[in-house]
Amino acid sequence: MIFVTVGTQLPFDRLIRSMDQWAHESNHDVFAQSGNGVYKPMNIDSMKFLGVKEFDRRVSQADLLVSHAGIGSIITAMEMSKPIVVMPRLARFGEHRNDHQLATVSKLKELNNVFVAESEHDLGNAIREALDHTKTELNTAPTARAALVTSISDFISSDKVRLASDR
């Protein structure tokens, strides 16, 4: 099963619509936490919001997570040893107030089991790559977690994030 999450703060209809279309053309079960967007998926099961226990249950059962490029989703995937495909929200579509998620994906795509779809046109390929990936577990040893925390901390304090948040 593929679990899709858009987070809890903002709608991300472009991701839900793209996953709905992808599911129509594939033979994978997909469930989405779809948020408060207006698009109603026809080919995937979804709920607008999930409680913490249900969210964690869905993640633990998933073979793959697909998400907006939120740090919380990426950390959840790593903690639960799940590969994740991330697609950044874009300000030009009204999905966020700036394009800081573009900077996020440019840095985090170097991590093991994080796959990037820079747009809805890349989503299918990123999902196939993630599902075909030969590594079945993330390296969640303490040193890998420390490296992740350092990488995220360095990124957050970088000029790119400060400039994006100032817009």
Protein backbone atom coordinates (compact mmCIF):
# COMPACT_ATOMS: atom_id res chain seq x y z
CA MET A 1 0.00 0.00 0.00
CA ILE A 2 1.13 3.53 -0.77
CA PHE A 3 0.25 6.15 1.83
CA VAL A 4 -0.03 9.76 0.70
CA THR A 5 -0.02 12.68 3.10
CA VAL A 6 -0.27 16.40 2.46
CA GLY A 7 0.23 17.40 6.07
CA THR A 8 -2.36 19.18 8.19
CA GLN A 9 -1.84 22.87 7.49
CA LEU A 10 -2.44 23.50 3.79
CA PRO A 11 -4.28 21.76 0.94
CA PHE A 12 -2.19 20.19 -1.83
CA ASP A 13 -4.71 19.25 -4.53
CA ARG A 14 -2.01 18.98 -7.20
CA LEU A 15 -0.41 16.06 -5.33
CA ILE A 16 -3.75 14.36 -4.57
CA ARG A 17 -4.94 14.78 -8.18
CA SER A 18 -1.63 13.43 -9.52
CA MET A 19 -1.75 10.41 -7.19
CA ASP A 20 -5.38 9.79 -8.14
CA GLN A 21 -4.43 9.72 -11.82
CA TRP A 22 -1.37 7.55 -11.13
CA ALA A 23 -3.48 5.07 -9.12
CA HIS A 24 -5.96 4.81 -12.00
CA GLU A 25 -3.10 3.66 -14.25
CA SER A 26 -1.39 1.35 -11.75
CA ASN A 27 -2.35 -1.71 -9.78
CA HIS A 28 -1.27 -0.34 -6.38
CA ASP A 29 -3.52 0.33 -3.44
CA VAL A 30 -3.27 3.98 -2.43
CA PHE A 31 -4.66 5.71 0.63
CA ALA A 32 -4.39 9.47 1.11
CA GLN A 33 -4.65 11.83 4.03
CA SER A 34 -5.90 14.53 1.66
CA GLY A 35 -6.26 17.59 3.88
CA ASN A 36 -8.82 20.29 3.28
CA GLY A 37 -8.42 20.64 -0.48
CA VAL A 38 -11.32 20.78 -2.90
CA TYR A 39 -10.29 17.89 -5.21
CA LYS A 40 -12.15 14.65 -4.49
CA PRO A 41 -10.16 11.58 -5.56
CA MET A 42 -12.00 8.88 -7.52
CA ASN A 43 -9.36 6.14 -7.68
CA ILE A 44 -7.89 6.20 -4.19
CA ASP A 45 -9.36 5.91 -0.72
CA SER A 46 -8.89 9.02 1.35
CA MET A 47 -9.76 10.92 4.49
CA LYS A 48 -9.20 14.61 5.01
CA PHE A 49 -7.43 14.16 8.35
CA LEU A 50 -6.28 11.24 10.51
CA GLY A 51 -5.66 11.04 14.22
CA VAL A 52 -2.10 10.34 15.35
CA LYS A 53 -2.70 6.63 16.02
CA GLU A 54 -4.40 6.07 12.66
CA PHE A 55 -1.70 8.07 10.86
CA ASP A 56 1.04 5.98 12.48
CA ARG A 57 -0.83 2.76 11.67
CA ARG A 58 -1.12 3.75 7.99
CA VAL A 59 2.56 4.66 7.81
CA SER A 60 3.63 1.40 9.44
CA GLN A 61 1.54 -0.61 6.94
CA ALA A 62 2.74 1.32 3.90
CA ASP A 63 5.36 0.11 1.46
CA LEU A 64 5.95 3.70 0.39
CA LEU A 65 5.04 7.20 1.55
CA VAL A 66 4.29 10.02 -0.89
CA SER A 67 4.23 13.48 0.62
CA HIS A 68 4.69 17.19 0.34
CA ALA A 69 8.29 18.15 1.10
CA GLY A 70 7.66 18.70 4.79
CA ILE A 71 10.45 17.86 7.20
CA GLY A 72 7.99 16.15 9.57
CA SER A 73 6.91 13.67 6.89
CA ILE A 74 10.51 12.94 5.93
CA ILE A 75 11.53 12.34 9.54
CA THR A 76 8.48 10.08 10.08
CA ALA A 77 9.47 8.01 7.04
CA MET A 78 13.02 7.68 8.31
CA GLU A 79 11.93 6.78 11.84
CA MET A 80 9.66 4.06 10.47
CA SER A 81 12.21 2.87 7.88
CA LYS A 82 9.98 3.72 4.93
CA PRO A 83 11.04 5.07 1.55
CA ILE A 84 9.40 8.39 0.71
CA VAL A 85 8.66 10.32 -2.46
CA VAL A 86 8.40 14.05 -1.86
CA MET A 87 6.93 16.67 -4.15
CA PRO A 88 7.38 20.33 -3.19
CA ARG A 89 4.49 22.72 -2.82
CA LEU A 90 4.87 25.72 -5.13
CA ALA A 91 3.91 29.30 -4.38
CA ARG A 92 2.83 30.00 -7.98
CA PHE A 93 -0.03 27.51 -7.51
CA GLY A 94 -1.04 28.99 -4.15
CA GLU A 95 0.20 25.88 -2.32
CA HIS A 96 2.47 27.84 0.01
CA ARG A 97 3.51 31.45 0.57
CA ASN A 98 7.02 30.84 -0.86
CA ASP A 99 9.06 28.13 -2.55
CA HIS A 100 11.14 26.98 0.42
CA GLN A 101 10.18 23.36 -0.31
CA LEU A 102 12.22 23.54 -3.54
CA ALA A 103 15.29 24.25 -1.43
CA THR A 104 14.29 21.41 0.89
CA VAL A 105 14.13 18.81 -1.88
CA SER A 106 17.39 19.98 -3.46
CA LYS A 107 19.17 19.21 -0.20
CA LEU A 108 17.29 16.14 1.01
CA LYS A 109 17.27 14.19 -2.26
CA GLU A 110 20.81 13.16 -1.35
CA LEU A 111 19.46 11.10 1.57
CA ASN A 112 18.97 7.38 1.34
CA ASN A 113 15.39 6.38 0.42
CA VAL A 114 14.21 9.94 -0.22
CA PHE A 115 13.01 10.27 -3.82
CA VAL A 116 12.09 13.60 -5.36
CA ALA A 117 9.36 14.48 -7.83
CA GLU A 118 9.98 18.13 -8.61
CA SER A 119 6.58 18.31 -10.31
CA GLU A 120 3.52 16.20 -10.99
CA HIS A 121 5.16 15.19 -14.29
CA ASP A 122 8.01 13.50 -12.37
CA LEU A 123 5.79 11.77 -9.82
CA GLY A 124 5.28 8.45 -11.64
CA ASN A 125 8.98 8.02 -12.29
CA ALA A 126 9.88 8.87 -8.70
CA ILE A 127 7.34 6.32 -7.41
CA ARG A 128 8.67 3.62 -9.75
CA GLU A 129 12.23 4.39 -8.69
CA ALA A 130 11.29 4.20 -5.01
CA LEU A 131 9.37 0.94 -5.44
CA ASP A 132 12.21 -0.60 -7.48
CA HIS A 133 14.90 0.60 -5.12
CA THR A 134 16.96 -2.35 -3.97
CA LYS A 135 17.48 -1.03 -0.46
CA THR A 136 14.58 -2.20 1.68
CA GLU A 137 15.49 -0.42 4.89
CA LEU A 138 16.80 2.97 5.79
CA ASN A 139 19.98 3.17 7.78
CA THR A 140 18.46 4.28 11.06
CA ALA A 141 21.50 3.68 13.20
CA PRO A 142 22.24 6.47 15.69
CA THR A 143 25.02 7.82 13.47
CA ALA A 144 22.64 8.09 10.51
CA ARG A 145 20.08 9.91 12.65
CA ALA A 146 22.77 12.26 13.92
CA ALA A 147 23.83 12.94 10.32
CA LEU A 148 20.21 13.64 9.39
CA VAL A 149 19.74 16.05 12.29
CA THR A 150 22.99 17.83 11.38
CA SER A 151 21.98 18.02 7.71
CA ILE A 152 18.54 19.43 8.54
CA SER A 153 19.99 21.87 11.08
CA ASP A 154 22.58 23.12 8.59
CA PHE A 155 19.91 23.47 5.93
CA ILE A 156 17.49 25.35 8.19
CA SER A 157 20.17 27.82 9.23
CA SER A 158 21.36 28.34 5.64
CA ASP A 159 20.86 31.54 3.70
CA LYS A 160 18.47 29.78 1.28
CA VAL A 161 15.90 29.17 3.99
CA ARG A 162 16.24 32.62 5.49
CA LEU A 163 15.86 34.24 2.07
CA ALA A 164 12.84 32.08 1.22
CA SER A 165 11.13 32.80 4.54
CA ASP A 166 11.70 36.54 4.11
CA ARG A 167 9.62 36.62 0.94
